[in-house]
Amino acid sequence: IIRAAILSIPKGQWEAGYSMGMSYQQL
């Protein structure tokens, strides 16, 4: 359930977080 919920988040939000300098844990 949790894995599916995480994967449902658009990839653009991952990319936006990394572009702001966030680490994987912070994101």
mmCIF file of all heavy atoms, coordinates in Angstrom:
data_MODEL
# 
_entry.id   MODEL 
# 
loop_
_atom_site.group_PDB 
_atom_site.id 
_atom_site.type_symbol 
_atom_site.label_atom_id 
_atom_site.label_alt_id 
_atom_site.label_comp_id 
_atom_site.label_asym_id 
_atom_site.label_entity_id 
_atom_site.label_seq_id 
_atom_site.pdbx_PDB_ins_code 
_atom_site.Cartn_x 
_atom_site.Cartn_y 
_atom_site.Cartn_z 
_atom_site.occupancy 
_atom_site.B_iso_or_equiv 
_atom_site.pdbx_formal_charge 
_atom_site.auth_seq_id 
_atom_site.auth_comp_id 
_atom_site.auth_asym_id 
_atom_site.auth_atom_id 
_atom_site.pdbx_PDB_model_num 
ATOM 1   N N   . ILE A 1 1  ? 0.838  -1.204 0.000   1.00 0.00 ? 1  ILE A N   1 
ATOM 2   C CA  . ILE A 1 1  ? 0.000  0.000  0.000   1.00 0.00 ? 1  ILE A CA  1 
ATOM 3   C C   . ILE A 1 1  ? 0.869  1.248  0.000   1.00 0.00 ? 1  ILE A C   1 
ATOM 4   O O   . ILE A 1 1  ? 0.646  2.191  -0.770  1.00 0.00 ? 1  ILE A O   1 
ATOM 5   C CB  . ILE A 1 1  ? -0.932 -0.006 1.227   1.00 0.00 ? 1  ILE A CB  1 
ATOM 6   C CG1 . ILE A 1 1  ? -1.927 -1.173 1.138   1.00 0.00 ? 1  ILE A CG1 1 
ATOM 7   C CG2 . ILE A 1 1  ? -1.669 1.325  1.356   1.00 0.00 ? 1  ILE A CG2 1 
ATOM 8   C CD1 . ILE A 1 1  ? -2.773 -1.347 2.380   1.00 0.00 ? 1  ILE A CD1 1 
ATOM 9   N N   . ILE A 1 2  ? 1.867  1.258  0.873   1.00 0.00 ? 2  ILE A N   1 
ATOM 10  C CA  . ILE A 1 2  ? 2.747  2.423  0.986   1.00 0.00 ? 2  ILE A CA  1 
ATOM 11  C C   . ILE A 1 2  ? 3.586  2.591  -0.271  1.00 0.00 ? 2  ILE A C   1 
ATOM 12  O O   . ILE A 1 2  ? 3.791  3.714  -0.753  1.00 0.00 ? 2  ILE A O   1 
ATOM 13  C CB  . ILE A 1 2  ? 3.638  2.283  2.236   1.00 0.00 ? 2  ILE A CB  1 
ATOM 14  C CG1 . ILE A 1 2  ? 2.762  2.316  3.494   1.00 0.00 ? 2  ILE A CG1 1 
ATOM 15  C CG2 . ILE A 1 2  ? 4.689  3.391  2.277   1.00 0.00 ? 2  ILE A CG2 1 
ATOM 16  C CD1 . ILE A 1 2  ? 3.503  2.022  4.776   1.00 0.00 ? 2  ILE A CD1 1 
ATOM 17  N N   . ARG A 1 3  ? 4.073  1.487  -0.805  1.00 0.00 ? 3  ARG A N   1 
ATOM 18  C CA  . ARG A 1 3  ? 4.877  1.569  -2.038  1.00 0.00 ? 3  ARG A CA  1 
ATOM 19  C C   . ARG A 1 3  ? 4.060  2.157  -3.177  1.00 0.00 ? 3  ARG A C   1 
ATOM 20  O O   . ARG A 1 3  ? 4.534  3.023  -3.917  1.00 0.00 ? 3  ARG A O   1 
ATOM 21  C CB  . ARG A 1 3  ? 5.391  0.174  -2.422  1.00 0.00 ? 3  ARG A CB  1 
ATOM 22  C CG  . ARG A 1 3  ? 6.286  0.166  -3.651  1.00 0.00 ? 3  ARG A CG  1 
ATOM 23  C CD  . ARG A 1 3  ? 6.875  -1.213 -3.862  1.00 0.00 ? 3  ARG A CD  1 
ATOM 24  N NE  . ARG A 1 3  ? 5.858  -2.145 -4.323  1.00 0.00 ? 3  ARG A NE  1 
ATOM 25  C CZ  . ARG A 1 3  ? 5.593  -2.409 -5.611  1.00 0.00 ? 3  ARG A CZ  1 
ATOM 26  N NH1 . ARG A 1 3  ? 6.273  -1.778 -6.565  1.00 0.00 ? 3  ARG A NH1 1 
ATOM 27  N NH2 . ARG A 1 3  ? 4.674  -3.275 -5.949  1.00 0.00 ? 3  ARG A NH2 1 
ATOM 28  N N   . ALA A 1 4  ? 2.820  1.682  -3.308  1.00 0.00 ? 4  ALA A N   1 
ATOM 29  C CA  . ALA A 1 4  ? 1.956  2.221  -4.366  1.00 0.00 ? 4  ALA A CA  1 
ATOM 30  C C   . ALA A 1 4  ? 1.673  3.704  -4.143  1.00 0.00 ? 4  ALA A C   1 
ATOM 31  O O   . ALA A 1 4  ? 1.619  4.484  -5.105  1.00 0.00 ? 4  ALA A O   1 
ATOM 32  C CB  . ALA A 1 4  ? 0.654  1.434  -4.411  1.00 0.00 ? 4  ALA A CB  1 
ATOM 33  N N   . ALA A 1 5  ? 1.500  4.102  -2.876  1.00 0.00 ? 5  ALA A N   1 
ATOM 34  C CA  . ALA A 1 5  ? 1.243  5.514  -2.572  1.00 0.00 ? 5  ALA A CA  1 
ATOM 35  C C   . ALA A 1 5  ? 2.447  6.373  -2.924  1.00 0.00 ? 5  ALA A C   1 
ATOM 36  O O   . ALA A 1 5  ? 2.299  7.482  -3.470  1.00 0.00 ? 5  ALA A O   1 
ATOM 37  C CB  . ALA A 1 5  ? 0.889  5.668  -1.099  1.00 0.00 ? 5  ALA A CB  1 
ATOM 38  N N   . ILE A 1 6  ? 3.646  5.880  -2.624  1.00 0.00 ? 6  ILE A N   1 
ATOM 39  C CA  . ILE A 1 6  ? 4.860  6.635  -2.948  1.00 0.00 ? 6  ILE A CA  1 
ATOM 40  C C   . ILE A 1 6  ? 5.022  6.765  -4.462  1.00 0.00 ? 6  ILE A C   1 
ATOM 41  O O   . ILE A 1 6  ? 5.344  7.834  -4.984  1.00 0.00 ? 6  ILE A O   1 
ATOM 42  C CB  . ILE A 1 6  ? 6.099  5.957  -2.328  1.00 0.00 ? 6  ILE A CB  1 
ATOM 43  C CG1 . ILE A 1 6  ? 6.052  6.064  -0.794  1.00 0.00 ? 6  ILE A CG1 1 
ATOM 44  C CG2 . ILE A 1 6  ? 7.384  6.584  -2.861  1.00 0.00 ? 6  ILE A CG2 1 
ATOM 45  C CD1 . ILE A 1 6  ? 7.165  5.319  -0.091  1.00 0.00 ? 6  ILE A CD1 1 
ATOM 46  N N   . LEU A 1 7  ? 4.786  5.663  -5.164  1.00 0.00 ? 7  LEU A N   1 
ATOM 47  C CA  . LEU A 1 7  ? 4.942  5.682  -6.622  1.00 0.00 ? 7  LEU A CA  1 
ATOM 48  C C   . LEU A 1 7  ? 3.877  6.527  -7.310  1.00 0.00 ? 7  LEU A C   1 
ATOM 49  O O   . LEU A 1 7  ? 4.045  6.914  -8.473  1.00 0.00 ? 7  LEU A O   1 
ATOM 50  C CB  . LEU A 1 7  ? 4.903  4.250  -7.170  1.00 0.00 ? 7  LEU A CB  1 
ATOM 51  C CG  . LEU A 1 7  ? 6.067  3.346  -6.745  1.00 0.00 ? 7  LEU A CG  1 
ATOM 52  C CD1 . LEU A 1 7  ? 5.879  1.945  -7.306  1.00 0.00 ? 7  LEU A CD1 1 
ATOM 53  C CD2 . LEU A 1 7  ? 7.404  3.928  -7.192  1.00 0.00 ? 7  LEU A CD2 1 
ATOM 54  N N   . SER A 1 8  ? 2.775  6.818  -6.588  1.00 0.00 ? 8  SER A N   1 
ATOM 55  C CA  . SER A 1 8  ? 1.717  7.644  -7.178  1.00 0.00 ? 8  SER A CA  1 
ATOM 56  C C   . SER A 1 8  ? 2.085  9.126  -7.199  1.00 0.00 ? 8  SER A C   1 
ATOM 57  O O   . SER A 1 8  ? 1.442  9.910  -7.892  1.00 0.00 ? 8  SER A O   1 
ATOM 58  C CB  . SER A 1 8  ? 0.406  7.453  -6.404  1.00 0.00 ? 8  SER A CB  1 
ATOM 59  O OG  . SER A 1 8  ? 0.482  8.041  -5.109  1.00 0.00 ? 8  SER A OG  1 
ATOM 60  N N   . ILE A 1 9  ? 3.111  9.498  -6.446  1.00 0.00 ? 9  ILE A N   1 
ATOM 61  C CA  . ILE A 1 9  ? 3.547  10.897 -6.433  1.00 0.00 ? 9  ILE A CA  1 
ATOM 62  C C   . ILE A 1 9  ? 4.250  11.199 -7.752  1.00 0.00 ? 9  ILE A C   1 
ATOM 63  O O   . ILE A 1 9  ? 5.167  10.469 -8.144  1.00 0.00 ? 9  ILE A O   1 
ATOM 64  C CB  . ILE A 1 9  ? 4.499  11.168 -5.244  1.00 0.00 ? 9  ILE A CB  1 
ATOM 65  C CG1 . ILE A 1 9  ? 3.850  10.721 -3.927  1.00 0.00 ? 9  ILE A CG1 1 
ATOM 66  C CG2 . ILE A 1 9  ? 4.882  12.635 -5.207  1.00 0.00 ? 9  ILE A CG2 1 
ATOM 67  C CD1 . ILE A 1 9  ? 2.548  11.384 -3.615  1.00 0.00 ? 9  ILE A CD1 1 
ATOM 68  N N   . PRO A 1 10 ? 3.872  12.238 -8.459  1.00 0.00 ? 10 PRO A N   1 
ATOM 69  C CA  . PRO A 1 10 ? 4.482  12.549 -9.766  1.00 0.00 ? 10 PRO A CA  1 
ATOM 70  C C   . PRO A 1 10 ? 6.004  12.687 -9.679  1.00 0.00 ? 10 PRO A C   1 
ATOM 71  O O   . PRO A 1 10 ? 6.537  13.236 -8.695  1.00 0.00 ? 10 PRO A O   1 
ATOM 72  C CB  . PRO A 1 10 ? 3.834  13.887 -10.149 1.00 0.00 ? 10 PRO A CB  1 
ATOM 73  C CG  . PRO A 1 10 ? 2.532  13.894 -9.405  1.00 0.00 ? 10 PRO A CG  1 
ATOM 74  C CD  . PRO A 1 10 ? 2.798  13.191 -8.112  1.00 0.00 ? 10 PRO A CD  1 
ATOM 75  N N   . LYS A 1 11 ? 6.683  12.187 -10.685 1.00 0.00 ? 11 LYS A N   1 
ATOM 76  C CA  . LYS A 1 11 ? 8.147  12.248 -10.701 1.00 0.00 ? 11 LYS A CA  1 
ATOM 77  C C   . LYS A 1 11 ? 8.655  13.685 -10.707 1.00 0.00 ? 11 LYS A C   1 
ATOM 78  O O   . LYS A 1 11 ? 9.778  13.958 -10.267 1.00 0.00 ? 11 LYS A O   1 
ATOM 79  C CB  . LYS A 1 11 ? 8.687  11.504 -11.920 1.00 0.00 ? 11 LYS A CB  1 
ATOM 80  C CG  . LYS A 1 11 ? 8.501  9.999  -11.851 1.00 0.00 ? 11 LYS A CG  1 
ATOM 81  C CD  . LYS A 1 11 ? 9.144  9.300  -13.041 1.00 0.00 ? 11 LYS A CD  1 
ATOM 82  C CE  . LYS A 1 11 ? 8.989  7.789  -12.935 1.00 0.00 ? 11 LYS A CE  1 
ATOM 83  N NZ  . LYS A 1 11 ? 9.605  7.086  -14.102 1.00 0.00 ? 11 LYS A NZ  1 
ATOM 84  N N   . GLY A 1 12 ? 7.816  14.597 -11.197 1.00 0.00 ? 12 GLY A N   1 
ATOM 85  C CA  . GLY A 1 12 ? 8.229  15.995 -11.235 1.00 0.00 ? 12 GLY A CA  1 
ATOM 86  C C   . GLY A 1 12 ? 8.517  16.545 -9.856  1.00 0.00 ? 12 GLY A C   1 
ATOM 87  O O   . GLY A 1 12 ? 9.370  17.442 -9.695  1.00 0.00 ? 12 GLY A O   1 
ATOM 88  N N   . GLN A 1 13 ? 7.836  16.018 -8.830  1.00 0.00 ? 13 GLN A N   1 
ATOM 89  C CA  . GLN A 1 13 ? 8.080  16.490 -7.470  1.00 0.00 ? 13 GLN A CA  1 
ATOM 90  C C   . GLN A 1 13 ? 9.417  15.980 -6.949  1.00 0.00 ? 13 GLN A C   1 
ATOM 91  O O   . GLN A 1 13 ? 10.085 16.660 -6.176  1.00 0.00 ? 13 GLN A O   1 
ATOM 92  C CB  . GLN A 1 13 ? 6.933  16.057 -6.566  1.00 0.00 ? 13 GLN A CB  1 
ATOM 93  C CG  . GLN A 1 13 ? 5.590  16.651 -6.969  1.00 0.00 ? 13 GLN A CG  1 
ATOM 94  C CD  . GLN A 1 13 ? 4.569  16.594 -5.875  1.00 0.00 ? 13 GLN A CD  1 
ATOM 95  O OE1 . GLN A 1 13 ? 4.904  16.663 -4.690  1.00 0.00 ? 13 GLN A OE1 1 
ATOM 96  N NE2 . GLN A 1 13 ? 3.301  16.491 -6.252  1.00 0.00 ? 13 GLN A NE2 1 
ATOM 97  N N   . TRP A 1 14 ? 9.791  14.781 -7.364  1.00 0.00 ? 14 TRP A N   1 
ATOM 98  C CA  . TRP A 1 14 ? 11.129 14.294 -7.019  1.00 0.00 ? 14 TRP A CA  1 
ATOM 99  C C   . TRP A 1 14 ? 12.188 15.193 -7.654  1.00 0.00 ? 14 TRP A C   1 
ATOM 100 O O   . TRP A 1 14 ? 13.146 15.612 -6.993  1.00 0.00 ? 14 TRP A O   1 
ATOM 101 C CB  . TRP A 1 14 ? 11.311 12.854 -7.513  1.00 0.00 ? 14 TRP A CB  1 
ATOM 102 C CG  . TRP A 1 14 ? 10.514 11.809 -6.797  1.00 0.00 ? 14 TRP A CG  1 
ATOM 103 C CD1 . TRP A 1 14 ? 9.232  11.449 -7.043  1.00 0.00 ? 14 TRP A CD1 1 
ATOM 104 C CD2 . TRP A 1 14 ? 10.957 10.993 -5.704  1.00 0.00 ? 14 TRP A CD2 1 
ATOM 105 N NE1 . TRP A 1 14 ? 8.838  10.450 -6.179  1.00 0.00 ? 14 TRP A NE1 1 
ATOM 106 C CE2 . TRP A 1 14 ? 9.879  10.149 -5.350  1.00 0.00 ? 14 TRP A CE2 1 
ATOM 107 C CE3 . TRP A 1 14 ? 12.161 10.887 -4.998  1.00 0.00 ? 14 TRP A CE3 1 
ATOM 108 C CZ2 . TRP A 1 14 ? 9.964  9.217  -4.330  1.00 0.00 ? 14 TRP A CZ2 1 
ATOM 109 C CZ3 . TRP A 1 14 ? 12.260 9.944  -3.982  1.00 0.00 ? 14 TRP A CZ3 1 
ATOM 110 C CH2 . TRP A 1 14 ? 11.171 9.135  -3.648  1.00 0.00 ? 14 TRP A CH2 1 
ATOM 111 N N   . GLU A 1 15 ? 11.993 15.455 -8.927  1.00 0.00 ? 15 GLU A N   1 
ATOM 112 C CA  . GLU A 1 15 ? 12.974 16.265 -9.655  1.00 0.00 ? 15 GLU A CA  1 
ATOM 113 C C   . GLU A 1 15 ? 13.051 17.682 -9.092  1.00 0.00 ? 15 GLU A C   1 
ATOM 114 O O   . GLU A 1 15 ? 14.140 18.261 -8.979  1.00 0.00 ? 15 GLU A O   1 
ATOM 115 C CB  . GLU A 1 15 ? 12.596 16.306 -11.139 1.00 0.00 ? 15 GLU A CB  1 
ATOM 116 C CG  . GLU A 1 15 ? 12.662 14.943 -11.799 1.00 0.00 ? 15 GLU A CG  1 
ATOM 117 C CD  . GLU A 1 15 ? 12.080 14.949 -13.203 1.00 0.00 ? 15 GLU A CD  1 
ATOM 118 O OE1 . GLU A 1 15 ? 11.548 16.008 -13.606 1.00 0.00 ? 15 GLU A OE1 1 
ATOM 119 O OE2 . GLU A 1 15 ? 12.157 13.907 -13.883 1.00 0.00 ? 15 GLU A OE2 1 
ATOM 120 N N   . ALA A 1 16 ? 11.886 18.237 -8.706  1.00 0.00 ? 16 ALA A N   1 
ATOM 121 C CA  . ALA A 1 16 ? 11.886 19.581 -8.133  1.00 0.00 ? 16 ALA A CA  1 
ATOM 122 C C   . ALA A 1 16 ? 12.629 19.608 -6.809  1.00 0.00 ? 16 ALA A C   1 
ATOM 123 O O   . ALA A 1 16 ? 13.377 20.558 -6.509  1.00 0.00 ? 16 ALA A O   1 
ATOM 124 C CB  . ALA A 1 16 ? 10.443 20.063 -7.936  1.00 0.00 ? 16 ALA A CB  1 
ATOM 125 N N   . GLY A 1 17 ? 12.448 18.571 -6.002  1.00 0.00 ? 17 GLY A N   1 
ATOM 126 C CA  . GLY A 1 17 ? 13.138 18.499 -4.717  1.00 0.00 ? 17 GLY A CA  1 
ATOM 127 C C   . GLY A 1 17 ? 14.643 18.405 -4.886  1.00 0.00 ? 17 GLY A C   1 
ATOM 128 O O   . GLY A 1 17 ? 15.410 19.088 -4.189  1.00 0.00 ? 17 GLY A O   1 
ATOM 129 N N   . TYR A 1 18 ? 15.080 17.580 -5.843  1.00 0.00 ? 18 TYR A N   1 
ATOM 130 C CA  . TYR A 1 18 ? 16.519 17.446 -6.085  1.00 0.00 ? 18 TYR A CA  1 
ATOM 131 C C   . TYR A 1 18 ? 17.102 18.744 -6.638  1.00 0.00 ? 18 TYR A C   1 
ATOM 132 O O   . TYR A 1 18 ? 18.240 19.118 -6.313  1.00 0.00 ? 18 TYR A O   1 
ATOM 133 C CB  . TYR A 1 18 ? 16.775 16.302 -7.071  1.00 0.00 ? 18 TYR A CB  1 
ATOM 134 C CG  . TYR A 1 18 ? 16.623 14.927 -6.457  1.00 0.00 ? 18 TYR A CG  1 
ATOM 135 C CD1 . TYR A 1 18 ? 15.852 13.948 -7.080  1.00 0.00 ? 18 TYR A CD1 1 
ATOM 136 C CD2 . TYR A 1 18 ? 17.271 14.591 -5.269  1.00 0.00 ? 18 TYR A CD2 1 
ATOM 137 C CE1 . TYR A 1 18 ? 15.702 12.688 -6.535  1.00 0.00 ? 18 TYR A CE1 1 
ATOM 138 C CE2 . TYR A 1 18 ? 17.136 13.340 -4.713  1.00 0.00 ? 18 TYR A CE2 1 
ATOM 139 C CZ  . TYR A 1 18 ? 16.355 12.384 -5.348  1.00 0.00 ? 18 TYR A CZ  1 
ATOM 140 O OH  . TYR A 1 18 ? 16.219 11.141 -4.799  1.00 0.00 ? 18 TYR A OH  1 
ATOM 141 N N   . SER A 1 19 ? 16.316 19.451 -7.459  1.00 0.00 ? 19 SER A N   1 
ATOM 142 C CA  . SER A 1 19 ? 16.814 20.710 -8.033  1.00 0.00 ? 19 SER A CA  1 
ATOM 143 C C   . SER A 1 19 ? 16.982 21.788 -6.967  1.00 0.00 ? 19 SER A C   1 
ATOM 144 O O   . SER A 1 19 ? 17.754 22.738 -7.151  1.00 0.00 ? 19 SER A O   1 
ATOM 145 C CB  . SER A 1 19 ? 15.849 21.206 -9.118  1.00 0.00 ? 19 SER A CB  1 
ATOM 146 O OG  . SER A 1 19 ? 14.597 21.584 -8.547  1.00 0.00 ? 19 SER A OG  1 
ATOM 147 N N   . MET A 1 20 ? 16.260 21.636 -5.841  1.00 0.00 ? 20 MET A N   1 
ATOM 148 C CA  . MET A 1 20 ? 16.387 22.581 -4.734  1.00 0.00 ? 20 MET A CA  1 
ATOM 149 C C   . MET A 1 20 ? 17.524 22.206 -3.791  1.00 0.00 ? 20 MET A C   1 
ATOM 150 O O   . MET A 1 20 ? 17.739 22.863 -2.779  1.00 0.00 ? 20 MET A O   1 
ATOM 151 C CB  . MET A 1 20 ? 15.072 22.648 -3.961  1.00 0.00 ? 20 MET A CB  1 
ATOM 152 C CG  . MET A 1 20 ? 13.905 23.212 -4.767  1.00 0.00 ? 20 MET A CG  1 
ATOM 153 S SD  . MET A 1 20 ? 12.329 23.090 -3.865  1.00 0.00 ? 20 MET A SD  1 
ATOM 154 C CE  . MET A 1 20 ? 12.695 24.128 -2.438  1.00 0.00 ? 20 MET A CE  1 
ATOM 155 N N   . GLY A 1 21 ? 18.208 21.134 -4.119  1.00 0.00 ? 21 GLY A N   1 
ATOM 156 C CA  . GLY A 1 21 ? 19.350 20.724 -3.310  1.00 0.00 ? 21 GLY A CA  1 
ATOM 157 C C   . GLY A 1 21 ? 19.013 19.787 -2.167  1.00 0.00 ? 21 GLY A C   1 
ATOM 158 O O   . GLY A 1 21 ? 19.844 19.568 -1.279  1.00 0.00 ? 21 GLY A O   1 
ATOM 159 N N   . MET A 1 22 ? 17.805 19.253 -2.156  1.00 0.00 ? 22 MET A N   1 
ATOM 160 C CA  . MET A 1 22 ? 17.428 18.321 -1.092  1.00 0.00 ? 22 MET A CA  1 
ATOM 161 C C   . MET A 1 22 ? 18.099 16.974 -1.288  1.00 0.00 ? 22 MET A C   1 
ATOM 162 O O   . MET A 1 22 ? 18.295 16.517 -2.422  1.00 0.00 ? 22 MET A O   1 
ATOM 163 C CB  . MET A 1 22 ? 15.911 18.114 -1.067  1.00 0.00 ? 22 MET A CB  1 
ATOM 164 C CG  . MET A 1 22 ? 15.112 19.300 -0.589  1.00 0.00 ? 22 MET A CG  1 
ATOM 165 S SD  . MET A 1 22 ? 13.349 18.879 -0.442  1.00 0.00 ? 22 MET A SD  1 
ATOM 166 C CE  . MET A 1 22 ? 12.691 20.442 0.136   1.00 0.00 ? 22 MET A CE  1 
ATOM 167 N N   . SER A 1 23 ? 18.429 16.328 -0.159  1.00 0.00 ? 23 SER A N   1 
ATOM 168 C CA  . SER A 1 23 ? 18.929 14.961 -0.223  1.00 0.00 ? 23 SER A CA  1 
ATOM 169 C C   . SER A 1 23 ? 17.746 14.005 -0.359  1.00 0.00 ? 23 SER A C   1 
ATOM 170 O O   . SER A 1 23 ? 16.578 14.403 -0.243  1.00 0.00 ? 23 SER A O   1 
ATOM 171 C CB  . SER A 1 23 ? 19.717 14.630 1.046   1.00 0.00 ? 23 SER A CB  1 
ATOM 172 O OG  . SER A 1 23 ? 18.867 14.643 2.189   1.00 0.00 ? 23 SER A OG  1 
ATOM 173 N N   . TYR A 1 24 ? 18.038 12.733 -0.590  1.00 0.00 ? 24 TYR A N   1 
ATOM 174 C CA  . TYR A 1 24 ? 16.973 11.727 -0.730  1.00 0.00 ? 24 TYR A CA  1 
ATOM 175 C C   . TYR A 1 24 ? 16.136 11.649 0.541   1.00 0.00 ? 24 TYR A C   1 
ATOM 176 O O   . TYR A 1 24 ? 14.905 11.591 0.491   1.00 0.00 ? 24 TYR A O   1 
ATOM 177 C CB  . TYR A 1 24 ? 17.605 10.371 -1.040  1.00 0.00 ? 24 TYR A CB  1 
ATOM 178 C CG  . TYR A 1 24 ? 16.615 9.246  -1.193  1.00 0.00 ? 24 TYR A CG  1 
ATOM 179 C CD1 . TYR A 1 24 ? 15.843 9.123  -2.339  1.00 0.00 ? 24 TYR A CD1 1 
ATOM 180 C CD2 . TYR A 1 24 ? 16.469 8.290  -0.191  1.00 0.00 ? 24 TYR A CD2 1 
ATOM 181 C CE1 . TYR A 1 24 ? 14.933 8.080  -2.486  1.00 0.00 ? 24 TYR A CE1 1 
ATOM 182 C CE2 . TYR A 1 24 ? 15.569 7.247  -0.325  1.00 0.00 ? 24 TYR A CE2 1 
ATOM 183 C CZ  . TYR A 1 24 ? 14.806 7.144  -1.475  1.00 0.00 ? 24 TYR A CZ  1 
ATOM 184 O OH  . TYR A 1 24 ? 13.905 6.111  -1.608  1.00 0.00 ? 24 TYR A OH  1 
ATOM 185 N N   . GLN A 1 25 ? 16.809 11.667 1.702   1.00 0.00 ? 25 GLN A N   1 
ATOM 186 C CA  . GLN A 1 25 ? 16.102 11.589 2.979   1.00 0.00 ? 25 GLN A CA  1 
ATOM 187 C C   . GLN A 1 25 ? 15.228 12.820 3.211   1.00 0.00 ? 25 GLN A C   1 
ATOM 188 O O   . GLN A 1 25 ? 14.098 12.710 3.682   1.00 0.00 ? 25 GLN A O   1 
ATOM 189 C CB  . GLN A 1 25 ? 17.102 11.417 4.130   1.00 0.00 ? 25 GLN A CB  1 
ATOM 190 C CG  . GLN A 1 25 ? 17.831 10.079 4.161   1.00 0.00 ? 25 GLN A CG  1 
ATOM 191 C CD  . GLN A 1 25 ? 18.968 10.004 3.157   1.00 0.00 ? 25 GLN A CD  1 
ATOM 192 O OE1 . GLN A 1 25 ? 19.327 11.007 2.519   1.00 0.00 ? 25 GLN A OE1 1 
ATOM 193 N NE2 . GLN A 1 25 ? 19.548 8.824  3.012   1.00 0.00 ? 25 GLN A NE2 1 
ATOM 194 N N   . GLN A 1 26 ? 15.762 13.996 2.905   1.00 0.00 ? 26 GLN A N   1 
ATOM 195 C CA  . GLN A 1 26 ? 14.990 15.224 3.077   1.00 0.00 ? 26 GLN A CA  1 
ATOM 196 C C   . GLN A 1 26 ? 13.776 15.252 2.150   1.00 0.00 ? 26 GLN A C   1 
ATOM 197 O O   . GLN A 1 26 ? 12.686 15.679 2.546   1.00 0.00 ? 26 GLN A O   1 
ATOM 198 C CB  . GLN A 1 26 ? 15.883 16.436 2.809   1.00 0.00 ? 26 GLN A CB  1 
ATOM 199 C CG  . GLN A 1 26 ? 16.947 16.677 3.851   1.00 0.00 ? 26 GLN A CG  1 
ATOM 200 C CD  . GLN A 1 26 ? 17.882 17.809 3.471   1.00 0.00 ? 26 GLN A CD  1 
ATOM 201 O OE1 . GLN A 1 26 ? 18.150 18.032 2.283   1.00 0.00 ? 26 GLN A OE1 1 
ATOM 202 N NE2 . GLN A 1 26 ? 18.376 18.537 4.475   1.00 0.00 ? 26 GLN A NE2 1 
ATOM 203 N N   . LEU A 1 27 ? 13.953 14.783 0.942   1.00 0.00 ? 27 LEU A N   1 
ATOM 204 C CA  . LEU A 1 27 ? 12.866 14.761 -0.030  1.00 0.00 ? 27 LEU A CA  1 
ATOM 205 C C   . LEU A 1 27 ? 11.740 13.838 0.433   1.00 0.00 ? 27 LEU A C   1 
ATOM 206 O O   . LEU A 1 27 ? 10.556 14.185 0.351   1.00 0.00 ? 27 LEU A O   1 
ATOM 207 C CB  . LEU A 1 27 ? 13.410 14.323 -1.388  1.00 0.00 ? 27 LEU A CB  1 
ATOM 208 C CG  . LEU A 1 27 ? 12.438 14.313 -2.575  1.00 0.00 ? 27 LEU A CG  1 
ATOM 209 C CD1 . LEU A 1 27 ? 11.828 15.692 -2.773  1.00 0.00 ? 27 LEU A CD1 1 
ATOM 210 C CD2 . LEU A 1 27 ? 13.154 13.854 -3.838  1.00 0.00 ? 27 LEU A CD2 1 
# 
